[in-house]
Every structure is written in structure tokens, then in C-alpha cells.
Amino acid sequence: MEIQKFEVGPFLENTYLLTKNGQHLIIDPGFSNETEYQKMKEQMTGELKAVLLTHAHVDHVLGISRLRNDFDARVYLCSEDRFLWENFGSQAQMFGINETGFGFEPEALPTEGSFSIGDFEFDCLYTPGHSPDHISLYFREQELVIAGDALFKESIGRTDLYKGNFELLSKSIEEKLYTLPENTTVYPGHGPETTIAHEKQHNPFVK
């Protein structure tokens, strides 16, 4: 499986394009303009199987409408709390972004357990604390986890937004992420990649 990262949008969010056997998954499409979108689209030579969301904060979903104009792809989000999805327009306005809601409901990702889409297989890890419906995606065979805004290199997601909770996020990281094999590569929602081993040793927020 190949993974490509695109740093996009006013929040410098990481959008990921996964490719395997001529199939694609897109994780957290945050591109905010046509130039960013086309740069990613040029790399898509196969079939887009789905769009997966680690959570529905505005910077992780800004590109969904552009994608759905070109692709008939399913969108998946954990159904634990859809408040952020349902209030996307209000979120955008808070940051001075002129966007409205999406007009459709995403399909449900489980809070825990294995999941497969096309040739892609991964585990859903329920990691709330930054947001109430946050999911991390663990690709066991490739030894990588897409951690969204739960865990960054030597940092963690902010907890001062809607239903943010530092104690809950710390517990999510300790119980769901730090228990992964230490050589697991962490692909975060912002910033550079890291590893579980590095964060267990050097993260000042959750050790």
C-alpha cells in the first residue's frame, strides 16, 4: 500500500491518499481550493473506493464537496456523535469560512473492530478527547496508524473545542495508541510523521 500526504487548507491539515491494487482511499479531505484539490487528484489513477474521516472538524472535511462533484464515493464517519457533521456550516463560519452543510449523511464507521473497503483492511480505534467522535485508523499489515488529531509528533490534539477533554484524550492515547507495536508509524492530522516508540519516550503531554 502506498500512502501520500498533502498539507492543505488554512490550518495546514494533512490529507492522505492511500493506494493499493489500483484502488484509493482518501482520509480527511481538507483541501480548501481547486489548486490543492487538483494536485491530489492528479495522483489518482485508479478507483476511489471511499472517503474516511477521523472526525468532522472543519479543517478535516473542507474538501468533501469538491470530491463528491467528481466522484460517487461513500463517506464514512464514526456515528458516536454527529454534532460536528450536522453543524459544519456553523463551524466554518466561526473561522470565517463561507461554507454550508453537505446535504447528505455519512455512513457509519464502528467505534472498534476491523473494517474493510475494497482491498483495504484496517482496525478502527475509538480515540475521543479532541473531538467526541474521533477514530484512529490502524493498518496492521503496513504497521501504520492514521491518528487524526489525537496524537502529533511530541504533541496532542487541542481539547478546548466542543466536548474536548484532556483526561479522555490522554486515556485514548494510552490505551489505544501507546498499546500498538512501538515501530508503528503515526501519520497525524497536522505536522510530521512519528512513531509510537518516539511518542512514548518524548511526548511531554502523555508519557
C-alpha atoms as a PDB file:
ATOM      1  CA  MET A   1       0.000   0.000   0.000  1.00  0.00           C
ATOM      2  CA  GLU A   2       1.259   3.473  -0.869  1.00  0.00           C
ATOM      3  CA  ILE A   3       0.443   6.492   1.277  1.00  0.00           C
ATOM      4  CA  GLN A   4       0.814  10.101   0.124  1.00  0.00           C
ATOM      5  CA  LYS A   5       0.392  13.168   2.314  1.00  0.00           C
ATOM      6  CA  PHE A   6      -0.923  16.549   1.150  1.00  0.00           C
ATOM      7  CA  GLU A   7      -0.644  19.508   3.535  1.00  0.00           C
ATOM      8  CA  VAL A   8      -3.660  21.648   2.698  1.00  0.00           C
ATOM      9  CA  GLY A   9      -6.011  24.405   3.757  1.00  0.00           C
ATOM     10  CA  PRO A  10      -5.597  27.402   6.051  1.00  0.00           C
ATOM     11  CA  PHE A  11      -4.963  25.062   9.011  1.00  0.00           C
ATOM     12  CA  LEU A  12      -2.151  23.117   7.265  1.00  0.00           C
ATOM     13  CA  GLU A  13      -4.099  19.893   7.670  1.00  0.00           C
ATOM     14  CA  ASN A  14      -2.761  16.557   6.409  1.00  0.00           C
ATOM     15  CA  THR A  15      -4.944  14.860   3.819  1.00  0.00           C
ATOM     16  CA  TYR A  16      -3.890  11.306   2.986  1.00  0.00           C
ATOM     17  CA  LEU A  17      -4.277   9.385  -0.261  1.00  0.00           C
ATOM     18  CA  LEU A  18      -3.898   5.626   0.114  1.00  0.00           C
ATOM     19  CA  THR A  19      -3.383   3.439  -2.959  1.00  0.00           C
ATOM     20  CA  LYS A  20      -3.488  -0.352  -3.192  1.00  0.00           C
ATOM     21  CA  ASN A  21      -4.051  -2.576  -6.231  1.00  0.00           C
ATOM     22  CA  GLY A  22      -5.376   0.324  -8.296  1.00  0.00           C
ATOM     23  CA  GLN A  23      -7.809   1.413  -5.575  1.00  0.00           C
ATOM     24  CA  HIS A  24      -7.773   4.580  -3.459  1.00  0.00           C
ATOM     25  CA  LEU A  25      -8.917   5.729  -0.062  1.00  0.00           C
ATOM     26  CA  ILE A  26      -8.861   9.383   0.954  1.00  0.00           C
ATOM     27  CA  ILE A  27      -8.516  10.225   4.633  1.00  0.00           C
ATOM     28  CA  ASP A  28      -9.676  13.624   5.932  1.00  0.00           C
ATOM     29  CA  PRO A  29     -10.001  15.707   2.733  1.00  0.00           C
ATOM     30  CA  GLY A  30      -9.146  19.193   3.956  1.00  0.00           C
ATOM     31  CA  PHE A  31      -8.193  20.969   0.731  1.00  0.00           C
ATOM     32  CA  SER A  32      -9.747  24.403   0.547  1.00  0.00           C
ATOM     33  CA  ASN A  33      -9.144  25.434  -3.063  1.00  0.00           C
ATOM     34  CA  GLU A  34      -9.044  23.981  -6.551  1.00  0.00           C
ATOM     35  CA  THR A  35      -5.242  24.028  -6.818  1.00  0.00           C
ATOM     36  CA  GLU A  36      -4.842  21.842  -3.735  1.00  0.00           C
ATOM     37  CA  TYR A  37      -7.568  19.501  -4.921  1.00  0.00           C
ATOM     38  CA  GLN A  38      -6.147  19.091  -8.423  1.00  0.00           C
ATOM     39  CA  LYS A  39      -2.678  18.327  -7.032  1.00  0.00           C
ATOM     40  CA  MET A  40      -4.107  15.346  -5.209  1.00  0.00           C
ATOM     41  CA  LYS A  41      -6.472  14.334  -7.994  1.00  0.00           C
ATOM     42  CA  GLU A  42      -3.538  14.068 -10.423  1.00  0.00           C
ATOM     43  CA  GLN A  43      -2.200  11.207  -8.300  1.00  0.00           C
ATOM     44  CA  MET A  44      -5.464   9.262  -8.510  1.00  0.00           C
ATOM     45  CA  THR A  45      -5.140   6.832 -11.395  1.00  0.00           C
ATOM     46  CA  GLY A  46      -7.481   4.186 -10.020  1.00  0.00           C
ATOM     47  CA  GLU A  47     -10.886   3.836  -8.408  1.00  0.00           C
ATOM     48  CA  LEU A  48     -11.790   5.902  -5.363  1.00  0.00           C
ATOM     49  CA  LYS A  49     -13.395   3.407  -3.004  1.00  0.00           C
ATOM     50  CA  ALA A  50     -14.270   5.725  -0.122  1.00  0.00           C
ATOM     51  CA  VAL A  51     -13.547   8.822   1.928  1.00  0.00           C
ATOM     52  CA  LEU A  52     -12.813   8.188   5.601  1.00  0.00           C
ATOM     53  CA  LEU A  53     -12.990  10.829   8.319  1.00  0.00           C
ATOM     54  CA  THR A  54     -11.137  10.563  11.603  1.00  0.00           C
ATOM     55  CA  HIS A  55     -13.520  13.258  12.868  1.00  0.00           C
ATOM     56  CA  ALA A  56     -15.622  16.089  11.467  1.00  0.00           C
ATOM     57  CA  HIS A  57     -13.811  19.272  12.479  1.00  0.00           C
ATOM     58  CA  VAL A  58     -13.948  21.833   9.705  1.00  0.00           C
ATOM     59  CA  ASP A  59     -10.297  21.522   8.643  1.00  0.00           C
ATOM     60  CA  HIS A  60     -10.690  17.780   8.013  1.00  0.00           C
ATOM     61  CA  VAL A  61     -13.811  17.949   5.847  1.00  0.00           C
ATOM     62  CA  LEU A  62     -13.426  21.107   3.752  1.00  0.00           C
ATOM     63  CA  GLY A  63     -12.737  19.152   0.560  1.00  0.00           C
ATOM     64  CA  ILE A  64     -15.694  16.775   0.650  1.00  0.00           C
ATOM     65  CA  SER A  65     -17.940  18.813  -1.647  1.00  0.00           C
ATOM     66  CA  ARG A  66     -15.245  19.069  -4.335  1.00  0.00           C
ATOM     67  CA  LEU A  67     -14.660  15.338  -4.158  1.00  0.00           C
ATOM     68  CA  ARG A  68     -18.328  14.477  -4.455  1.00  0.00           C
ATOM     69  CA  ASN A  69     -18.653  16.695  -7.513  1.00  0.00           C
ATOM     70  CA  ASP A  70     -16.224  14.377  -9.307  1.00  0.00           C
ATOM     71  CA  PHE A  71     -16.584  11.008  -7.584  1.00  0.00           C
ATOM     72  CA  ASP A  72     -19.514   8.931  -6.421  1.00  0.00           C
ATOM     73  CA  ALA A  73     -17.637   7.808  -3.338  1.00  0.00           C
ATOM     74  CA  ARG A  74     -19.042   6.854   0.024  1.00  0.00           C
ATOM     75  CA  VAL A  75     -18.083   8.955   3.035  1.00  0.00           C
ATOM     76  CA  TYR A  76     -17.558   7.256   6.401  1.00  0.00           C
ATOM     77  CA  LEU A  77     -17.594   8.789   9.889  1.00  0.00           C
ATOM     78  CA  CYS A  78     -17.991   7.343  13.359  1.00  0.00           C
ATOM     79  CA  SER A  79     -21.627   7.667  14.391  1.00  0.00           C
ATOM     80  CA  GLU A  80     -20.942   8.148  18.111  1.00  0.00           C
ATOM     81  CA  ASP A  81     -21.675  11.878  17.889  1.00  0.00           C
ATOM     82  CA  ARG A  82     -22.710  13.563  14.629  1.00  0.00           C
ATOM     83  CA  PHE A  83     -22.954  17.057  16.114  1.00  0.00           C
ATOM     84  CA  LEU A  84     -19.842  18.338  14.324  1.00  0.00           C
ATOM     85  CA  TRP A  85     -21.017  16.957  10.981  1.00  0.00           C
ATOM     86  CA  GLU A  86     -24.524  18.345  11.357  1.00  0.00           C
ATOM     87  CA  ASN A  87     -23.171  21.778  12.330  1.00  0.00           C
ATOM     88  CA  PHE A  88     -20.420  22.041   9.735  1.00  0.00           C
ATOM     89  CA  GLY A  89     -21.773  25.357   8.423  1.00  0.00           C
ATOM     90  CA  SER A  90     -21.638  26.916  11.889  1.00  0.00           C
ATOM     91  CA  GLN A  91     -18.128  25.567  12.408  1.00  0.00           C
ATOM     92  CA  ALA A  92     -16.971  27.108   9.147  1.00  0.00           C
ATOM     93  CA  GLN A  93     -18.467  30.495   9.989  1.00  0.00           C
ATOM     94  CA  MET A  94     -16.602  30.521  13.321  1.00  0.00           C
ATOM     95  CA  PHE A  95     -13.361  30.502  11.335  1.00  0.00           C
ATOM     96  CA  GLY A  96     -14.518  32.979   8.690  1.00  0.00           C
ATOM     97  CA  ILE A  97     -15.110  30.285   6.052  1.00  0.00           C
ATOM     98  CA  ASN A  98     -18.186  30.656   3.880  1.00  0.00           C
ATOM     99  CA  GLU A  99     -19.470  27.084   3.653  1.00  0.00           C
ATOM    100  CA  THR A 100     -22.805  25.397   4.297  1.00  0.00           C
ATOM    101  CA  GLY A 101     -23.754  21.837   5.216  1.00  0.00           C
ATOM    102  CA  PHE A 102     -23.256  18.827   2.968  1.00  0.00           C
ATOM    103  CA  GLY A 103     -26.853  17.739   2.419  1.00  0.00           C
ATOM    104  CA  PHE A 104     -26.215  14.024   2.994  1.00  0.00           C
ATOM    105  CA  GLU A 105     -25.442  11.685   5.856  1.00  0.00           C
ATOM    106  CA  PRO A 106     -22.155   9.780   6.021  1.00  0.00           C
ATOM    107  CA  GLU A 107     -22.073   6.056   6.529  1.00  0.00           C
ATOM    108  CA  ALA A 108     -21.030   4.692   9.897  1.00  0.00           C
ATOM    109  CA  LEU A 109     -17.570   3.620  10.954  1.00  0.00           C
ATOM    110  CA  PRO A 110     -17.604   1.389  14.029  1.00  0.00           C
ATOM    111  CA  THR A 111     -16.072   2.647  17.240  1.00  0.00           C
ATOM    112  CA  GLU A 112     -13.966  -0.514  17.463  1.00  0.00           C
ATOM    113  CA  GLY A 113     -13.058  -3.522  15.370  1.00  0.00           C
ATOM    114  CA  SER A 114     -11.866  -4.456  11.929  1.00  0.00           C
ATOM    115  CA  PHE A 115     -13.285  -2.906   8.780  1.00  0.00           C
ATOM    116  CA  SER A 116     -12.667  -3.476   5.082  1.00  0.00           C
ATOM    117  CA  ILE A 117     -13.348  -1.398   1.991  1.00  0.00           C
ATOM    118  CA  GLY A 118     -12.280  -2.877  -1.318  1.00  0.00           C
ATOM    119  CA  ASP A 119      -8.750  -4.228  -0.870  1.00  0.00           C
ATOM    120  CA  PHE A 120      -8.127  -2.112   2.244  1.00  0.00           C
ATOM    121  CA  GLU A 121      -8.328  -3.652   5.712  1.00  0.00           C
ATOM    122  CA  PHE A 122      -7.845  -1.719   8.943  1.00  0.00           C
ATOM    123  CA  ASP A 123      -8.890  -1.523  12.570  1.00  0.00           C
ATOM    124  CA  CYS A 124     -10.977   1.315  13.961  1.00  0.00           C
ATOM    125  CA  LEU A 125      -9.650   2.631  17.274  1.00  0.00           C
ATOM    126  CA  TYR A 126     -12.014   4.849  19.229  1.00  0.00           C
ATOM    127  CA  THR A 127      -9.881   7.774  20.402  1.00  0.00           C
ATOM    128  CA  PRO A 128     -12.139  10.597  21.668  1.00  0.00           C
ATOM    129  CA  GLY A 129     -10.905  13.594  23.625  1.00  0.00           C
ATOM    130  CA  HIS A 130     -10.015  16.016  20.852  1.00  0.00           C
ATOM    131  CA  SER A 131     -13.495  15.534  19.419  1.00  0.00           C
ATOM    132  CA  PRO A 132     -16.361  13.315  20.587  1.00  0.00           C
ATOM    133  CA  ASP A 133     -16.435  11.049  17.513  1.00  0.00           C
ATOM    134  CA  HIS A 134     -12.707  10.710  16.875  1.00  0.00           C
ATOM    135  CA  ILE A 135     -11.455   7.494  15.278  1.00  0.00           C
ATOM    136  CA  SER A 136      -7.879   6.445  14.516  1.00  0.00           C
ATOM    137  CA  LEU A 137      -7.297   4.008  11.655  1.00  0.00           C
ATOM    138  CA  TYR A 138      -4.746   1.250  12.234  1.00  0.00           C
ATOM    139  CA  PHE A 139      -3.387  -0.597   9.211  1.00  0.00           C
ATOM    140  CA  ARG A 140      -1.830  -3.587  10.912  1.00  0.00           C
ATOM    141  CA  GLU A 141      -0.179  -5.144   7.855  1.00  0.00           C
ATOM    142  CA  GLN A 142       1.509  -1.841   6.908  1.00  0.00           C
ATOM    143  CA  GLU A 143       2.437  -1.051  10.537  1.00  0.00           C
ATOM    144  CA  LEU A 144       0.925   2.432  10.456  1.00  0.00           C
ATOM    145  CA  VAL A 145      -1.839   4.358  12.161  1.00  0.00           C
ATOM    146  CA  ILE A 146      -3.608   7.442  10.848  1.00  0.00           C
ATOM    147  CA  ALA A 147      -4.190   9.222  14.125  1.00  0.00           C
ATOM    148  CA  GLY A 148      -6.083  12.335  13.027  1.00  0.00           C
ATOM    149  CA  ASP A 149      -5.845  14.995  15.724  1.00  0.00           C
ATOM    150  CA  ALA A 150      -5.412  12.619  18.642  1.00  0.00           C
ATOM    151  CA  LEU A 151      -1.626  12.312  18.581  1.00  0.00           C
ATOM    152  CA  PHE A 152       1.019  14.506  16.932  1.00  0.00           C
ATOM    153  CA  LYS A 153       4.804  14.406  16.989  1.00  0.00           C
ATOM    154  CA  GLU A 154       5.618  15.386  20.578  1.00  0.00           C
ATOM    155  CA  SER A 155       2.160  16.904  20.988  1.00  0.00           C
ATOM    156  CA  ILE A 156      -1.546  16.048  21.160  1.00  0.00           C
ATOM    157  CA  GLY A 157      -4.791  17.461  19.801  1.00  0.00           C
ATOM    158  CA  ARG A 158      -6.274  20.547  21.425  1.00  0.00           C
ATOM    159  CA  THR A 159      -9.040  19.912  23.939  1.00  0.00           C
ATOM    160  CA  ASP A 160     -10.662  23.349  24.190  1.00  0.00           C
ATOM    161  CA  LEU A 161     -13.205  22.773  21.406  1.00  0.00           C
ATOM    162  CA  TYR A 162     -16.701  21.223  21.587  1.00  0.00           C
ATOM    163  CA  LYS A 163     -16.618  18.250  24.009  1.00  0.00           C
ATOM    164  CA  GLY A 164     -12.841  18.329  24.187  1.00  0.00           C
ATOM    165  CA  ASN A 165     -11.462  16.593  27.259  1.00  0.00           C
ATOM    166  CA  PHE A 166      -7.779  16.291  28.153  1.00  0.00           C
ATOM    167  CA  GLU A 167      -8.223  13.357  30.546  1.00  0.00           C
ATOM    168  CA  LEU A 168     -10.265  11.456  27.960  1.00  0.00           C
ATOM    169  CA  LEU A 169      -7.743  12.164  25.202  1.00  0.00           C
ATOM    170  CA  SER A 170      -4.871  11.050  27.424  1.00  0.00           C
ATOM    171  CA  LYS A 171      -6.718   7.817  28.163  1.00  0.00           C
ATOM    172  CA  SER A 172      -7.386   7.269  24.449  1.00  0.00           C
ATOM    173  CA  ILE A 173      -3.708   7.700  23.638  1.00  0.00           C
ATOM    174  CA  GLU A 174      -2.505   5.494  26.483  1.00  0.00           C
ATOM    175  CA  GLU A 175      -4.991   2.673  25.914  1.00  0.00           C
ATOM    176  CA  LYS A 176      -5.484   2.671  22.136  1.00  0.00           C
ATOM    177  CA  LEU A 177      -2.337   4.155  20.573  1.00  0.00           C
ATOM    178  CA  TYR A 178       0.517   3.510  23.006  1.00  0.00           C
ATOM    179  CA  THR A 179      -0.501  -0.172  23.094  1.00  0.00           C
ATOM    180  CA  LEU A 180       0.270  -0.551  19.371  1.00  0.00           C
ATOM    181  CA  PRO A 181       3.649  -2.033  18.391  1.00  0.00           C
ATOM    182  CA  GLU A 182       6.375   0.528  19.065  1.00  0.00           C
ATOM    183  CA  ASN A 183       7.589   0.504  15.448  1.00  0.00           C
ATOM    184  CA  THR A 184       4.154   1.670  14.236  1.00  0.00           C
ATOM    185  CA  THR A 185       4.404   4.839  12.148  1.00  0.00           C
ATOM    186  CA  VAL A 186       1.974   7.560  13.218  1.00  0.00           C
ATOM    187  CA  TYR A 187       0.515   9.737  10.457  1.00  0.00           C
ATOM    188  CA  PRO A 188      -1.089  12.716  12.245  1.00  0.00           C
ATOM    189  CA  GLY A 189      -3.647  15.264  11.134  1.00  0.00           C
ATOM    190  CA  HIS A 190      -1.064  18.040  11.307  1.00  0.00           C
ATOM    191  CA  GLY A 191       2.717  18.076  11.201  1.00  0.00           C
ATOM    192  CA  PRO A 192       5.305  15.361  10.500  1.00  0.00           C
ATOM    193  CA  GLU A 193       5.118  11.613  10.974  1.00  0.00           C
ATOM    194  CA  THR A 194       6.392   9.991  14.142  1.00  0.00           C
ATOM    195  CA  THR A 195       6.393   6.551  15.783  1.00  0.00           C
ATOM    196  CA  ILE A 196       4.704   5.083  18.814  1.00  0.00           C
ATOM    197  CA  ALA A 197       8.098   4.424  20.387  1.00  0.00           C
ATOM    198  CA  HIS A 198       9.165   8.040  19.955  1.00  0.00           C
ATOM    199  CA  GLU A 199       5.980   9.414  21.482  1.00  0.00           C
ATOM    200  CA  LYS A 200       6.079   7.089  24.480  1.00  0.00           C
ATOM    201  CA  GLN A 201       9.548   8.440  25.221  1.00  0.00           C
ATOM    202  CA  HIS A 202       9.349  12.068  24.167  1.00  0.00           C
ATOM    203  CA  ASN A 203       5.727  13.293  24.192  1.00  0.00           C
ATOM    204  CA  PRO A 204       5.526  15.821  27.042  1.00  0.00           C
ATOM    205  CA  PHE A 205       1.730  15.612  27.322  1.00  0.00           C
ATOM    206  CA  VAL A 206       1.178  11.851  27.567  1.00  0.00           C
ATOM    207  CA  LYS A 207       4.114   9.703  28.728  1.00  0.00           C
END
